[in-house]
Amino acid sequence: MNKSNIAQGQMFIHFDKTYMDVPKVWVKVKSEIFGKHYGEDAEEVSLFVDNNAMIKVAINPNYKIDLPEKWSITDGYYGKMVREGKFVPLDDLAKCNDITEQLGWPPYVIDF
């Protein structure tokens, strides 16, 4: 099994100007293997959680992460979105505002 792009980056900035006003940071929290997925062979699916939800859990361990705050992504989809510039791998959250500024996006804001 290919441990491609997702294995290399634990966070990414997500921005798509067609429907988002501000960028969002997703954090990989675990990895699962799903069997036949839409008729394809077994494919790795990584679970990402919205960074704001991760902060809320850190502040309040009883916080329940909602469905919109979770995203299961295959390696193939991740690679496609990186190539299209809609996902930007991120290794340090402190670099987020520099990256968004360089790409002409609004600044990333942590929302409590």
N, C-alpha and C. Protein backbone atom coordinates (compact mmCIF):
# COMPACT_ATOMS: atom_id res chain seq x y z
N MET A 1 0.83 -1.18 0.00
CA MET A 1 0.00 0.00 0.00
C MET A 1 0.88 1.25 0.00
N ASN A 2 0.50 2.19 -0.79
CA ASN A 2 1.26 3.43 -0.94
C ASN A 2 0.91 4.42 0.17
N LYS A 3 1.90 4.82 0.93
CA LYS A 3 1.69 5.83 1.98
C LYS A 3 2.14 7.16 1.42
N SER A 4 1.42 7.67 0.47
CA SER A 4 1.85 8.86 -0.27
C SER A 4 1.77 10.14 0.52
N ASN A 5 1.16 11.14 -0.06
CA ASN A 5 1.18 12.51 0.47
C ASN A 5 0.69 12.65 1.91
N ILE A 6 -0.35 11.94 2.28
CA ILE A 6 -0.92 12.14 3.60
C ILE A 6 0.07 11.74 4.68
N ALA A 7 0.81 10.67 4.46
CA ALA A 7 1.77 10.23 5.46
C ALA A 7 2.86 11.28 5.67
N GLN A 8 3.14 12.09 4.67
CA GLN A 8 4.20 13.08 4.76
C GLN A 8 3.76 14.35 5.48
N GLY A 9 2.49 14.69 5.44
CA GLY A 9 2.01 15.92 6.06
C GLY A 9 0.92 15.64 7.06
N GLN A 10 1.07 16.11 8.28
CA GLN A 10 0.08 15.83 9.31
C GLN A 10 -1.00 16.91 9.38
N MET A 11 -0.77 18.05 8.76
CA MET A 11 -1.76 19.13 8.73
C MET A 11 -1.79 19.69 7.31
N PHE A 12 -2.91 20.31 6.98
CA PHE A 12 -2.94 21.06 5.72
C PHE A 12 -3.90 22.22 5.85
N ILE A 13 -3.64 23.25 5.05
CA ILE A 13 -4.53 24.40 4.95
C ILE A 13 -5.45 24.11 3.77
N HIS A 14 -6.73 24.31 3.96
CA HIS A 14 -7.72 24.07 2.92
C HIS A 14 -8.36 25.39 2.55
N PHE A 15 -8.35 25.69 1.27
CA PHE A 15 -9.02 26.90 0.81
C PHE A 15 -9.48 26.71 -0.61
N ASP A 16 -10.74 27.01 -0.85
CA ASP A 16 -11.32 26.94 -2.18
C ASP A 16 -12.18 28.18 -2.36
N LYS A 17 -11.70 29.12 -3.16
CA LYS A 17 -12.38 30.41 -3.31
C LYS A 17 -13.78 30.28 -3.90
N THR A 18 -14.12 29.13 -4.46
CA THR A 18 -15.46 28.98 -5.04
C THR A 18 -16.55 28.90 -3.98
N TYR A 19 -16.18 28.51 -2.74
CA TYR A 19 -17.22 28.43 -1.71
C TYR A 19 -16.74 28.75 -0.29
N MET A 20 -15.49 29.15 -0.11
CA MET A 20 -14.99 29.46 1.23
C MET A 20 -14.52 30.91 1.28
N ASP A 21 -14.80 31.56 2.41
CA ASP A 21 -14.33 32.93 2.61
C ASP A 21 -13.00 32.99 3.35
N VAL A 22 -12.76 31.99 4.19
CA VAL A 22 -11.52 31.95 4.98
C VAL A 22 -10.93 30.55 4.92
N PRO A 23 -9.61 30.43 5.05
CA PRO A 23 -8.97 29.11 5.02
C PRO A 23 -9.28 28.33 6.29
N LYS A 24 -9.12 27.02 6.20
CA LYS A 24 -9.36 26.13 7.33
C LYS A 24 -8.16 25.21 7.46
N VAL A 25 -7.75 24.90 8.69
CA VAL A 25 -6.64 23.97 8.91
C VAL A 25 -7.21 22.65 9.42
N TRP A 26 -6.77 21.57 8.80
CA TRP A 26 -7.18 20.22 9.19
C TRP A 26 -5.97 19.50 9.75
N VAL A 27 -6.19 18.68 10.79
CA VAL A 27 -5.13 17.94 11.47
C VAL A 27 -5.44 16.45 11.37
N LYS A 28 -4.45 15.66 10.92
CA LYS A 28 -4.64 14.21 10.83
C LYS A 28 -4.62 13.63 12.24
N VAL A 29 -5.65 12.86 12.57
CA VAL A 29 -5.73 12.30 13.92
C VAL A 29 -5.55 10.80 13.96
N LYS A 30 -5.88 10.10 12.89
CA LYS A 30 -5.62 8.67 12.83
C LYS A 30 -5.79 8.20 11.40
N SER A 31 -5.42 6.97 11.16
CA SER A 31 -5.52 6.43 9.82
C SER A 31 -6.28 5.11 9.89
N GLU A 32 -7.12 4.86 8.92
CA GLU A 32 -7.89 3.62 8.88
C GLU A 32 -7.78 3.01 7.49
N ILE A 33 -7.89 1.69 7.43
CA ILE A 33 -7.95 1.00 6.15
C ILE A 33 -9.39 0.60 5.91
N PHE A 34 -9.96 1.05 4.81
CA PHE A 34 -11.31 0.68 4.45
C PHE A 34 -11.21 -0.37 3.36
N GLY A 35 -12.12 -1.33 3.38
CA GLY A 35 -12.16 -2.35 2.34
C GLY A 35 -12.67 -1.75 1.05
N LYS A 36 -13.28 -2.55 0.22
CA LYS A 36 -13.77 -2.10 -1.08
C LYS A 36 -14.48 -0.75 -0.95
N HIS A 37 -13.89 0.26 -1.55
CA HIS A 37 -14.39 1.63 -1.45
C HIS A 37 -14.78 2.07 -2.85
N TYR A 38 -16.07 2.16 -3.10
CA TYR A 38 -16.59 2.51 -4.42
C TYR A 38 -16.03 1.60 -5.51
N GLY A 39 -15.94 0.31 -5.17
CA GLY A 39 -15.52 -0.68 -6.15
C GLY A 39 -14.03 -0.78 -6.38
N GLU A 40 -13.24 0.02 -5.68
CA GLU A 40 -11.79 -0.04 -5.85
C GLU A 40 -11.19 -0.97 -4.82
N ASP A 41 -9.90 -1.30 -4.99
CA ASP A 41 -9.20 -2.11 -4.00
C ASP A 41 -9.09 -1.34 -2.70
N ALA A 42 -8.71 -2.03 -1.64
CA ALA A 42 -8.56 -1.37 -0.34
C ALA A 42 -7.68 -0.14 -0.50
N GLU A 43 -8.08 0.93 0.10
CA GLU A 43 -7.39 2.21 -0.06
C GLU A 43 -7.29 2.87 1.30
N GLU A 44 -6.14 3.46 1.61
CA GLU A 44 -6.00 4.11 2.90
C GLU A 44 -6.85 5.37 2.95
N VAL A 45 -7.56 5.51 4.04
CA VAL A 45 -8.36 6.69 4.27
C VAL A 45 -7.89 7.30 5.58
N SER A 46 -7.48 8.56 5.54
CA SER A 46 -6.99 9.23 6.74
C SER A 46 -8.08 10.13 7.28
N LEU A 47 -8.18 10.15 8.60
CA LEU A 47 -9.18 10.98 9.26
C LEU A 47 -8.53 12.29 9.71
N PHE A 48 -9.10 13.40 9.27
CA PHE A 48 -8.65 14.73 9.65
C PHE A 48 -9.76 15.40 10.46
N VAL A 49 -9.35 16.25 11.40
CA VAL A 49 -10.29 17.00 12.23
C VAL A 49 -9.92 18.48 12.11
N ASP A 50 -10.94 19.32 12.06
CA ASP A 50 -10.75 20.77 12.01
C ASP A 50 -9.90 21.20 13.20
N ASN A 51 -8.89 22.03 12.96
CA ASN A 51 -7.99 22.48 14.02
C ASN A 51 -8.73 23.19 15.14
N ASN A 52 -9.76 23.96 14.82
CA ASN A 52 -10.54 24.63 15.86
C ASN A 52 -11.19 23.61 16.80
N ALA A 53 -11.67 22.49 16.25
CA ALA A 53 -12.25 21.44 17.08
C ALA A 53 -11.19 20.81 17.97
N MET A 54 -9.97 20.64 17.44
CA MET A 54 -8.88 20.07 18.24
C MET A 54 -8.59 20.98 19.44
N ILE A 55 -8.62 22.28 19.22
CA ILE A 55 -8.37 23.23 20.31
C ILE A 55 -9.48 23.15 21.35
N LYS A 56 -10.73 23.04 20.88
CA LYS A 56 -11.85 22.93 21.81
C LYS A 56 -11.74 21.67 22.66
N VAL A 57 -11.28 20.57 22.08
CA VAL A 57 -11.08 19.32 22.83
C VAL A 57 -9.96 19.50 23.85
N ALA A 58 -8.90 20.23 23.47
CA ALA A 58 -7.79 20.47 24.41
C ALA A 58 -8.26 21.29 25.61
N ILE A 59 -9.15 22.24 25.36
CA ILE A 59 -9.67 23.08 26.44
C ILE A 59 -10.70 22.31 27.27
N ASN A 60 -11.56 21.56 26.60
CA ASN A 60 -12.64 20.83 27.27
C ASN A 60 -12.67 19.40 26.73
N PRO A 61 -12.08 18.44 27.43
CA PRO A 61 -12.03 17.05 26.95
C PRO A 61 -13.41 16.43 26.71
N ASN A 62 -14.46 17.03 27.23
CA ASN A 62 -15.82 16.51 27.02
C ASN A 62 -16.46 17.06 25.74
N TYR A 63 -15.76 17.95 25.04
CA TYR A 63 -16.30 18.51 23.80
C TYR A 63 -16.48 17.39 22.78
N LYS A 64 -17.64 17.32 22.19
CA LYS A 64 -17.94 16.30 21.18
C LYS A 64 -17.71 16.88 19.79
N ILE A 65 -16.83 16.28 19.04
CA ILE A 65 -16.53 16.74 17.69
C ILE A 65 -17.70 16.40 16.77
N ASP A 66 -18.23 17.42 16.10
CA ASP A 66 -19.37 17.24 15.20
C ASP A 66 -18.93 16.71 13.84
N LEU A 67 -19.88 16.17 13.10
CA LEU A 67 -19.60 15.62 11.79
C LEU A 67 -18.93 16.62 10.84
N PRO A 68 -19.36 17.90 10.78
CA PRO A 68 -18.69 18.86 9.88
C PRO A 68 -17.23 19.15 10.27
N GLU A 69 -16.83 18.73 11.47
CA GLU A 69 -15.47 18.98 11.93
C GLU A 69 -14.55 17.79 11.65
N LYS A 70 -15.08 16.75 10.98
CA LYS A 70 -14.31 15.55 10.64
C LYS A 70 -14.32 15.38 9.13
N TRP A 71 -13.21 14.85 8.61
CA TRP A 71 -13.14 14.63 7.17
C TRP A 71 -12.25 13.43 6.89
N SER A 72 -12.80 12.40 6.27
CA SER A 72 -12.03 11.23 5.87
C SER A 72 -11.59 11.43 4.42
N ILE A 73 -10.29 11.34 4.18
CA ILE A 73 -9.73 11.68 2.87
C ILE A 73 -8.82 10.56 2.39
N THR A 74 -8.98 10.15 1.15
CA THR A 74 -8.08 9.15 0.56
C THR A 74 -6.80 9.83 0.08
N ASP A 75 -5.73 9.05 -0.06
CA ASP A 75 -4.47 9.58 -0.58
C ASP A 75 -4.65 10.20 -1.96
N GLY A 76 -5.43 9.54 -2.80
CA GLY A 76 -5.64 10.04 -4.16
C GLY A 76 -6.31 11.40 -4.18
N TYR A 77 -7.34 11.57 -3.37
CA TYR A 77 -8.05 12.85 -3.30
C TYR A 77 -7.13 13.93 -2.74
N TYR A 78 -6.38 13.58 -1.69
CA TYR A 78 -5.45 14.52 -1.08
C TYR A 78 -4.45 15.02 -2.14
N GLY A 79 -3.86 14.10 -2.88
CA GLY A 79 -2.89 14.47 -3.93
C GLY A 79 -3.50 15.38 -4.98
N LYS A 80 -4.73 15.07 -5.40
CA LYS A 80 -5.43 15.89 -6.39
C LYS A 80 -5.64 17.32 -5.87
N MET A 81 -6.07 17.43 -4.62
CA MET A 81 -6.34 18.75 -4.05
C MET A 81 -5.05 19.55 -3.84
N VAL A 82 -3.94 18.88 -3.53
CA VAL A 82 -2.65 19.57 -3.42
C VAL A 82 -2.25 20.11 -4.79
N ARG A 83 -2.38 19.28 -5.83
CA ARG A 83 -2.02 19.72 -7.19
C ARG A 83 -2.87 20.90 -7.64
N GLU A 84 -4.14 20.94 -7.23
CA GLU A 84 -5.03 22.04 -7.61
C GLU A 84 -4.85 23.28 -6.72
N GLY A 85 -4.00 23.18 -5.70
CA GLY A 85 -3.74 24.31 -4.82
C GLY A 85 -4.82 24.55 -3.78
N LYS A 86 -5.72 23.59 -3.61
CA LYS A 86 -6.79 23.74 -2.61
C LYS A 86 -6.38 23.21 -1.25
N PHE A 87 -5.36 22.35 -1.20
CA PHE A 87 -4.75 21.90 0.05
C PHE A 87 -3.29 22.32 0.02
N VAL A 88 -2.79 22.90 1.10
CA VAL A 88 -1.37 23.24 1.21
C VAL A 88 -0.85 22.52 2.45
N PRO A 89 0.05 21.51 2.27
CA PRO A 89 0.60 20.81 3.44
C PRO A 89 1.27 21.80 4.38
N LEU A 90 1.15 21.52 5.67
CA LEU A 90 1.62 22.44 6.70
C LEU A 90 2.31 21.64 7.80
N ASP A 91 3.55 21.98 8.11
CA ASP A 91 4.26 21.26 9.17
C ASP A 91 4.37 22.06 10.45
N ASP A 92 3.97 23.34 10.41
CA ASP A 92 4.06 24.19 11.59
C ASP A 92 2.94 25.22 11.52
N LEU A 93 2.03 25.19 12.48
CA LEU A 93 0.89 26.10 12.47
C LEU A 93 1.32 27.56 12.48
N ALA A 94 2.50 27.83 13.03
CA ALA A 94 3.01 29.22 13.07
C ALA A 94 3.26 29.77 11.67
N LYS A 95 3.42 28.90 10.67
CA LYS A 95 3.66 29.33 9.29
C LYS A 95 2.37 29.62 8.54
N CYS A 96 1.24 29.31 9.14
CA CYS A 96 -0.04 29.39 8.45
C CYS A 96 -0.32 30.79 7.89
N ASN A 97 -0.17 31.81 8.70
CA ASN A 97 -0.48 33.16 8.22
C ASN A 97 0.47 33.61 7.12
N ASP A 98 1.75 33.22 7.20
CA ASP A 98 2.69 33.55 6.12
C ASP A 98 2.25 32.91 4.81
N ILE A 99 1.84 31.64 4.87
CA ILE A 99 1.41 30.92 3.67
C ILE A 99 0.16 31.54 3.09
N THR A 100 -0.84 31.82 3.94
CA THR A 100 -2.08 32.39 3.42
C THR A 100 -1.84 33.77 2.81
N GLU A 101 -0.96 34.56 3.42
CA GLU A 101 -0.64 35.89 2.88
C GLU A 101 0.06 35.77 1.52
N GLN A 102 1.02 34.86 1.41
CA GLN A 102 1.76 34.67 0.16
C GLN A 102 0.82 34.25 -0.97
N LEU A 103 -0.20 33.46 -0.64
CA LEU A 103 -1.12 32.96 -1.67
C LEU A 103 -2.31 33.89 -1.90
N GLY A 104 -2.34 35.02 -1.19
CA GLY A 104 -3.41 35.98 -1.39
C GLY A 104 -4.73 35.58 -0.75
N TRP A 105 -4.68 34.74 0.28
CA TRP A 105 -5.88 34.33 0.98
C TRP A 105 -6.05 35.19 2.22
N PRO A 106 -7.27 35.23 2.77
CA PRO A 106 -7.44 35.93 4.05
C PRO A 106 -6.67 35.19 5.15
N PRO A 107 -6.33 35.85 6.23
CA PRO A 107 -5.57 35.19 7.30
C PRO A 107 -6.38 34.08 7.96
N TYR A 108 -5.67 33.07 8.43
CA TYR A 108 -6.29 31.98 9.17
C TYR A 108 -6.57 32.46 10.59
N VAL A 109 -7.78 32.24 11.07
CA VAL A 109 -8.17 32.68 12.40
C VAL A 109 -8.63 31.47 13.20
N ILE A 110 -8.10 31.34 14.41
CA ILE A 110 -8.56 30.27 15.29
C ILE A 110 -9.81 30.79 15.98
N ASP A 111 -10.89 30.02 15.87
CA ASP A 111 -12.19 30.44 16.39
C ASP A 111 -12.55 29.61 17.61
N PHE A 112 -12.61 30.25 18.77
CA PHE A 112 -12.95 29.52 20.01
C PHE A 112 -14.42 29.52 20.24
